[in-house]
Every structure is written in C-alpha cells, then in structure tokens.
Amino acid sequence: MAIVVLRNNESQDQLLKRFRKKVVKSGVLSTVRRKRWFVSKSELRRMERKKAIRRIKRRMSKGGEE
C-alpha cells in the first residue's frame, strides 16, 4: 500500500504526483492488471515464447543495420 504524508507548504498537486510515483514504483497497478483474468501456465509459456521471438528478431534487425 502506498502512503504519502503532506509535507509543510506542499500543494495538493505535488502530493498527488508523489503518490502516483509511489504507486507506479510499487507495481500495484501492473499486478492488478496481470491478475484481472486467469491465464493458464501453458498460455503463459506461449506468450513468453512469442515475446522472446519478437525480442530476438528485433535484435537481429538492429544488428544488421549498424
């Protein structure tokens, strides 16, 4: 849980900005999005394999240009 305390002479906008940064850094939103739907282990493996293939293709195409 992200908690921020109002500092002396701090505006509400600054407080909100600090809170948002803490939430992003803690990874709460990404966890909620990831757990929104159930994904089977086989589906996770398939997604990871597709990600790896894309990553490899991207590296190979960048390596050839330079």
PDB file of N, CA and C in Angstrom:
ATOM      1  N   MET A   1       0.836  -1.174   0.000  1.00  0.00           N
ATOM      2  CA  MET A   1       0.000   0.000   0.000  1.00  0.00           C
ATOM      3  C   MET A   1       0.885   1.243   0.000  1.00  0.00           C
ATOM      4  N   ALA A   2       0.577   2.179  -0.870  1.00  0.00           N
ATOM      5  CA  ALA A   2       1.359   3.406  -0.967  1.00  0.00           C
ATOM      6  C   ALA A   2       0.761   4.464  -0.053  1.00  0.00           C
ATOM      7  N   ILE A   3       1.602   5.016   0.808  1.00  0.00           N
ATOM      8  CA  ILE A   3       1.157   6.056   1.741  1.00  0.00           C
ATOM      9  C   ILE A   3       2.070   7.258   1.591  1.00  0.00           C
ATOM     10  N   VAL A   4       1.464   8.438   1.472  1.00  0.00           N
ATOM     11  CA  VAL A   4       2.232   9.680   1.429  1.00  0.00           C
ATOM     12  C   VAL A   4       1.658  10.628   2.471  1.00  0.00           C
ATOM     13  N   VAL A   5       2.536  11.401   3.091  1.00  0.00           N
ATOM     14  CA  VAL A   5       2.119  12.356   4.123  1.00  0.00           C
ATOM     15  C   VAL A   5       2.363  13.756   3.571  1.00  0.00           C
ATOM     16  N   LEU A   6       1.403  14.624   3.784  1.00  0.00           N
ATOM     17  CA  LEU A   6       1.506  16.003   3.315  1.00  0.00           C
ATOM     18  C   LEU A   6       2.647  16.708   4.035  1.00  0.00           C
ATOM     19  N   ARG A   7       3.578  17.257   3.256  1.00  0.00           N
ATOM     20  CA  ARG A   7       4.720  17.976   3.817  1.00  0.00           C
ATOM     21  C   ARG A   7       4.337  19.442   4.029  1.00  0.00           C
ATOM     22  N   ASN A   8       5.167  20.146   4.798  1.00  0.00           N
ATOM     23  CA  ASN A   8       4.923  21.576   5.008  1.00  0.00           C
ATOM     24  C   ASN A   8       4.999  22.320   3.682  1.00  0.00           C
ATOM     25  N   ASN A   9       4.051  23.202   3.452  1.00  0.00           N
ATOM     26  CA  ASN A   9       3.991  24.043   2.257  1.00  0.00           C
ATOM     27  C   ASN A   9       3.977  23.232   0.963  1.00  0.00           C
ATOM     28  N   GLU A  10       3.381  22.056   0.985  1.00  0.00           N
ATOM     29  CA  GLU A  10       3.289  21.237  -0.217  1.00  0.00           C
ATOM     30  C   GLU A  10       1.870  21.336  -0.769  1.00  0.00           C
ATOM     31  N   SER A  11       1.756  21.566  -2.071  1.00  0.00           N
ATOM     32  CA  SER A  11       0.433  21.678  -2.684  1.00  0.00           C
ATOM     33  C   SER A  11      -0.177  20.287  -2.873  1.00  0.00           C
ATOM     34  N   GLN A  12      -1.474  20.276  -3.132  1.00  0.00           N
ATOM     35  CA  GLN A  12      -2.174  19.016  -3.354  1.00  0.00           C
ATOM     36  C   GLN A  12      -1.678  18.342  -4.639  1.00  0.00           C
ATOM     37  N   ASP A  13      -1.317  19.165  -5.646  1.00  0.00           N
ATOM     38  CA  ASP A  13      -0.806  18.607  -6.900  1.00  0.00           C
ATOM     39  C   ASP A  13       0.512  17.867  -6.682  1.00  0.00           C
ATOM     40  N   GLN A  14       1.404  18.474  -5.882  1.00  0.00           N
ATOM     41  CA  GLN A  14       2.688  17.840  -5.601  1.00  0.00           C
ATOM     42  C   GLN A  14       2.484  16.544  -4.819  1.00  0.00           C
ATOM     43  N   LEU A  15       1.563  16.575  -3.876  1.00  0.00           N
ATOM     44  CA  LEU A  15       1.259  15.391  -3.083  1.00  0.00           C
ATOM     45  C   LEU A  15       0.737  14.271  -3.977  1.00  0.00           C
ATOM     46  N   LEU A  16      -0.181  14.614  -4.870  1.00  0.00           N
ATOM     47  CA  LEU A  16      -0.752  13.630  -5.781  1.00  0.00           C
ATOM     48  C   LEU A  16       0.318  13.054  -6.704  1.00  0.00           C
ATOM     49  N   LYS A  17       1.226  13.906  -7.179  1.00  0.00           N
ATOM     50  CA  LYS A  17       2.316  13.457  -8.045  1.00  0.00           C
ATOM     51  C   LYS A  17       3.217  12.457  -7.316  1.00  0.00           C
ATOM     52  N   ARG A  18       3.547  12.750  -6.051  1.00  0.00           N
ATOM     53  CA  ARG A  18       4.372  11.825  -5.254  1.00  0.00           C
ATOM     54  C   ARG A  18       3.651  10.499  -5.045  1.00  0.00           C
ATOM     55  N   PHE A  19       2.339  10.580  -4.797  1.00  0.00           N
ATOM     56  CA  PHE A  19       1.546   9.369  -4.586  1.00  0.00           C
ATOM     57  C   PHE A  19       1.543   8.502  -5.840  1.00  0.00           C
ATOM     58  N   ARG A  20       1.322   9.117  -6.990  1.00  0.00           N
ATOM     59  CA  ARG A  20       1.309   8.360  -8.249  1.00  0.00           C
ATOM     60  C   ARG A  20       2.648   7.681  -8.498  1.00  0.00           C
ATOM     61  N   LYS A  21       3.739   8.397  -8.223  1.00  0.00           N
ATOM     62  CA  LYS A  21       5.074   7.806  -8.404  1.00  0.00           C
ATOM     63  C   LYS A  21       5.254   6.588  -7.508  1.00  0.00           C
ATOM     64  N   LYS A  22       4.789   6.692  -6.259  1.00  0.00           N
ATOM     65  CA  LYS A  22       4.919   5.562  -5.330  1.00  0.00           C
ATOM     66  C   LYS A  22       4.110   4.364  -5.811  1.00  0.00           C
ATOM     67  N   VAL A  23       2.908   4.631  -6.314  1.00  0.00           N
ATOM     68  CA  VAL A  23       2.048   3.543  -6.792  1.00  0.00           C
ATOM     69  C   VAL A  23       2.708   2.846  -7.976  1.00  0.00           C
ATOM     70  N   VAL A  24       3.244   3.613  -8.904  1.00  0.00           N
ATOM     71  CA  VAL A  24       3.901   3.019 -10.070  1.00  0.00           C
ATOM     72  C   VAL A  24       5.120   2.219  -9.633  1.00  0.00           C
ATOM     73  N   LYS A  25       5.920   2.793  -8.737  1.00  0.00           N
ATOM     74  CA  LYS A  25       7.143   2.123  -8.282  1.00  0.00           C
ATOM     75  C   LYS A  25       6.838   0.832  -7.524  1.00  0.00           C
ATOM     76  N   SER A  26       5.737   0.810  -6.780  1.00  0.00           N
ATOM     77  CA  SER A  26       5.387  -0.386  -6.010  1.00  0.00           C
ATOM     78  C   SER A  26       4.857  -1.511  -6.898  1.00  0.00           C
ATOM     79  N   GLY A  27       4.380  -1.176  -8.102  1.00  0.00           N
ATOM     80  CA  GLY A  27       3.902  -2.196  -9.030  1.00  0.00           C
ATOM     81  C   GLY A  27       2.505  -2.690  -8.748  1.00  0.00           C
ATOM     82  N   VAL A  28       1.727  -1.948  -7.994  1.00  0.00           N
ATOM     83  CA  VAL A  28       0.380  -2.376  -7.634  1.00  0.00           C
ATOM     84  C   VAL A  28      -0.512  -2.479  -8.870  1.00  0.00           C
ATOM     85  N   LEU A  29      -0.474  -1.456  -9.719  1.00  0.00           N
ATOM     86  CA  LEU A  29      -1.349  -1.459 -10.890  1.00  0.00           C
ATOM     87  C   LEU A  29      -1.001  -2.572 -11.868  1.00  0.00           C
ATOM     88  N   SER A  30       0.278  -2.815 -12.089  1.00  0.00           N
ATOM     89  CA  SER A  30       0.657  -3.882 -13.016  1.00  0.00           C
ATOM     90  C   SER A  30       0.222  -5.242 -12.483  1.00  0.00           C
ATOM     91  N   THR A  31       0.297  -5.424 -11.175  1.00  0.00           N
ATOM     92  CA  THR A  31      -0.146  -6.681 -10.569  1.00  0.00           C
ATOM     93  C   THR A  31      -1.648  -6.859 -10.746  1.00  0.00           C
ATOM     94  N   VAL A  32      -2.391  -5.797 -10.530  1.00  0.00           N
ATOM     95  CA  VAL A  32      -3.850  -5.870 -10.679  1.00  0.00           C
ATOM     96  C   VAL A  32      -4.213  -6.185 -12.119  1.00  0.00           C
ATOM     97  N   ARG A  33      -3.560  -5.524 -13.067  1.00  0.00           N
ATOM     98  CA  ARG A  33      -3.854  -5.784 -14.482  1.00  0.00           C
ATOM     99  C   ARG A  33      -3.516  -7.224 -14.853  1.00  0.00           C
ATOM    100  N   ARG A  34      -2.393  -7.716 -14.339  1.00  0.00           N
ATOM    101  CA  ARG A  34      -1.962  -9.077 -14.662  1.00  0.00           C
ATOM    102  C   ARG A  34      -2.918 -10.115 -14.079  1.00  0.00           C
ATOM    103  N   LYS A  35      -3.474  -9.846 -12.909  1.00  0.00           N
ATOM    104  CA  LYS A  35      -4.334 -10.827 -12.245  1.00  0.00           C
ATOM    105  C   LYS A  35      -5.809 -10.619 -12.544  1.00  0.00           C
ATOM    106  N   ARG A  36      -6.115  -9.706 -13.462  1.00  0.00           N
ATOM    107  CA  ARG A  36      -7.505  -9.409 -13.771  1.00  0.00           C
ATOM    108  C   ARG A  36      -8.211 -10.635 -14.349  1.00  0.00           C
ATOM    109  N   TRP A  37      -7.506 -11.381 -15.215  1.00  0.00           N
ATOM    110  CA  TRP A  37      -8.050 -12.591 -15.795  1.00  0.00           C
ATOM    111  C   TRP A  37      -7.106 -13.744 -15.509  1.00  0.00           C
ATOM    112  N   PHE A  38      -7.656 -14.919 -15.391  1.00  0.00           N
ATOM    113  CA  PHE A  38      -6.839 -16.105 -15.173  1.00  0.00           C
ATOM    114  C   PHE A  38      -6.178 -16.500 -16.480  1.00  0.00           C
ATOM    115  N   VAL A  39      -4.875 -16.763 -16.421  1.00  0.00           N
ATOM    116  CA  VAL A  39      -4.130 -17.235 -17.590  1.00  0.00           C
ATOM    117  C   VAL A  39      -3.446 -18.528 -17.194  1.00  0.00           C
ATOM    118  N   SER A  40      -3.705 -19.575 -17.973  1.00  0.00           N
ATOM    119  CA  SER A  40      -3.131 -20.879 -17.649  1.00  0.00           C
ATOM    120  C   SER A  40      -1.619 -20.868 -17.860  1.00  0.00           C
ATOM    121  N   LYS A  41      -0.951 -21.854 -17.271  1.00  0.00           N
ATOM    122  CA  LYS A  41       0.506 -21.935 -17.388  1.00  0.00           C
ATOM    123  C   LYS A  41       0.938 -22.143 -18.831  1.00  0.00           C
ATOM    124  N   SER A  42       0.188 -22.952 -19.567  1.00  0.00           N
ATOM    125  CA  SER A  42       0.545 -23.189 -20.967  1.00  0.00           C
ATOM    126  C   SER A  42       0.404 -21.900 -21.777  1.00  0.00           C
ATOM    127  N   GLU A  43      -0.612 -21.118 -21.478  1.00  0.00           N
ATOM    128  CA  GLU A  43      -0.800 -19.838 -22.164  1.00  0.00           C
ATOM    129  C   GLU A  43       0.327 -18.871 -21.810  1.00  0.00           C
ATOM    130  N   LEU A  44       0.762 -18.864 -20.553  1.00  0.00           N
ATOM    131  CA  LEU A  44       1.875 -18.009 -20.139  1.00  0.00           C
ATOM    132  C   LEU A  44       3.152 -18.390 -20.882  1.00  0.00           C
ATOM    133  N   ARG A  45       3.413 -19.693 -20.981  1.00  0.00           N
ATOM    134  CA  ARG A  45       4.602 -20.156 -21.704  1.00  0.00           C
ATOM    135  C   ARG A  45       4.556 -19.736 -23.167  1.00  0.00           C
ATOM    136  N   ARG A  46       3.373 -19.860 -23.775  1.00  0.00           N
ATOM    137  CA  ARG A  46       3.215 -19.486 -25.178  1.00  0.00           C
ATOM    138  C   ARG A  46       3.462 -17.995 -25.372  1.00  0.00           C
ATOM    139  N   MET A  47       2.939 -17.170 -24.461  1.00  0.00           N
ATOM    140  CA  MET A  47       3.131 -15.721 -24.546  1.00  0.00           C
ATOM    141  C   MET A  47       4.604 -15.359 -24.371  1.00  0.00           C
ATOM    142  N   GLU A  48       5.276 -16.009 -23.418  1.00  0.00           N
ATOM    143  CA  GLU A  48       6.697 -15.739 -23.182  1.00  0.00           C
ATOM    144  C   GLU A  48       7.534 -16.133 -24.402  1.00  0.00           C
ATOM    145  N   ARG A  49       7.184 -17.251 -25.039  1.00  0.00           N
ATOM    146  CA  ARG A  49       7.907 -17.692 -26.222  1.00  0.00           C
ATOM    147  C   ARG A  49       7.745 -16.678 -27.355  1.00  0.00           C
ATOM    148  N   LYS A  50       6.518 -16.169 -27.549  1.00  0.00           N
ATOM    149  CA  LYS A  50       6.277 -15.168 -28.581  1.00  0.00           C
ATOM    150  C   LYS A  50       7.066 -13.892 -28.299  1.00  0.00           C
ATOM    151  N   LYS A  51       7.121 -13.494 -27.021  1.00  0.00           N
ATOM    152  CA  LYS A  51       7.879 -12.306 -26.631  1.00  0.00           C
ATOM    153  C   LYS A  51       9.361 -12.482 -26.947  1.00  0.00           C
ATOM    154  N   ALA A  52       9.884 -13.668 -26.627  1.00  0.00           N
ATOM    155  CA  ALA A  52      11.300 -13.944 -26.865  1.00  0.00           C
ATOM    156  C   ALA A  52      11.615 -13.912 -28.357  1.00  0.00           C
ATOM    157  N   ILE A  53      10.741 -14.470 -29.168  1.00  0.00           N
ATOM    158  CA  ILE A  53      10.954 -14.467 -30.617  1.00  0.00           C
ATOM    159  C   ILE A  53      10.967 -13.036 -31.145  1.00  0.00           C
ATOM    160  N   ARG A  54      10.029 -12.217 -30.690  1.00  0.00           N
ATOM    161  CA  ARG A  54       9.995 -10.816 -31.111  1.00  0.00           C
ATOM    162  C   ARG A  54      11.263 -10.085 -30.708  1.00  0.00           C
ATOM    163  N   ARG A  55      11.725 -10.352 -29.483  1.00  0.00           N
ATOM    164  CA  ARG A  55      12.935  -9.710 -28.968  1.00  0.00           C
ATOM    165  C   ARG A  55      14.152 -10.098 -29.820  1.00  0.00           C
ATOM    166  N   ILE A  56      14.261 -11.383 -30.151  1.00  0.00           N
ATOM    167  CA  ILE A  56      15.381 -11.866 -30.958  1.00  0.00           C
ATOM    168  C   ILE A  56      15.339 -11.248 -32.355  1.00  0.00           C
ATOM    169  N   LYS A  57      14.150 -11.194 -32.963  1.00  0.00           N
ATOM    170  CA  LYS A  57      14.024 -10.606 -34.296  1.00  0.00           C
ATOM    171  C   LYS A  57      14.418  -9.136 -34.282  1.00  0.00           C
ATOM    172  N   ARG A  58      14.001  -8.420 -33.237  1.00  0.00           N
ATOM    173  CA  ARG A  58      14.326  -7.008 -33.113  1.00  0.00           C
ATOM    174  C   ARG A  58      15.831  -6.802 -32.998  1.00  0.00           C
ATOM    175  N   ARG A  59      16.486  -7.642 -32.198  1.00  0.00           N
ATOM    176  CA  ARG A  59      17.938  -7.538 -32.025  1.00  0.00           C
ATOM    177  C   ARG A  59      18.670  -7.846 -33.326  1.00  0.00           C
ATOM    178  N   MET A  60      18.184  -8.853 -34.054  1.00  0.00           N
ATOM    179  CA  MET A  60      18.847  -9.221 -35.304  1.00  0.00           C
ATOM    180  C   MET A  60      18.702  -8.115 -36.349  1.00  0.00           C
ATOM    181  N   SER A  61      17.531  -7.496 -36.410  1.00  0.00           N
ATOM    182  CA  SER A  61      17.331  -6.444 -37.400  1.00  0.00           C
ATOM    183  C   SER A  61      18.141  -5.198 -37.049  1.00  0.00           C
ATOM    184  N   LYS A  62      18.280  -4.897 -35.778  1.00  0.00           N
ATOM    185  CA  LYS A  62      19.094  -3.756 -35.364  1.00  0.00           C
ATOM    186  C   LYS A  62      20.577  -4.038 -35.592  1.00  0.00           C
ATOM    187  N   GLY A  63      21.008  -5.255 -35.382  1.00  0.00           N
ATOM    188  CA  GLY A  63      22.416  -5.622 -35.546  1.00  0.00           C
ATOM    189  C   GLY A  63      22.870  -5.541 -36.989  1.00  0.00           C
ATOM    190  N   GLY A  64      21.972  -5.824 -37.919  1.00  0.00           N
ATOM    191  CA  GLY A  64      22.325  -5.777 -39.333  1.00  0.00           C
ATOM    192  C   GLY A  64      22.458  -4.364 -39.869  1.00  0.00           C
ATOM    193  N   GLU A  65      21.753  -3.413 -39.275  1.00  0.00           N
ATOM    194  CA  GLU A  65      21.754  -2.037 -39.764  1.00  0.00           C
ATOM    195  C   GLU A  65      23.008  -1.295 -39.349  1.00  0.00           C
ATOM    196  N   GLU A  66      23.536  -1.601 -38.186  1.00  0.00           N
ATOM    197  CA  GLU A  66      24.654  -0.835 -37.644  1.00  0.00           C
ATOM    198  C   GLU A  66      25.964  -1.178 -38.240  1.00  0.00           C
TER     199      GLU A  66
END
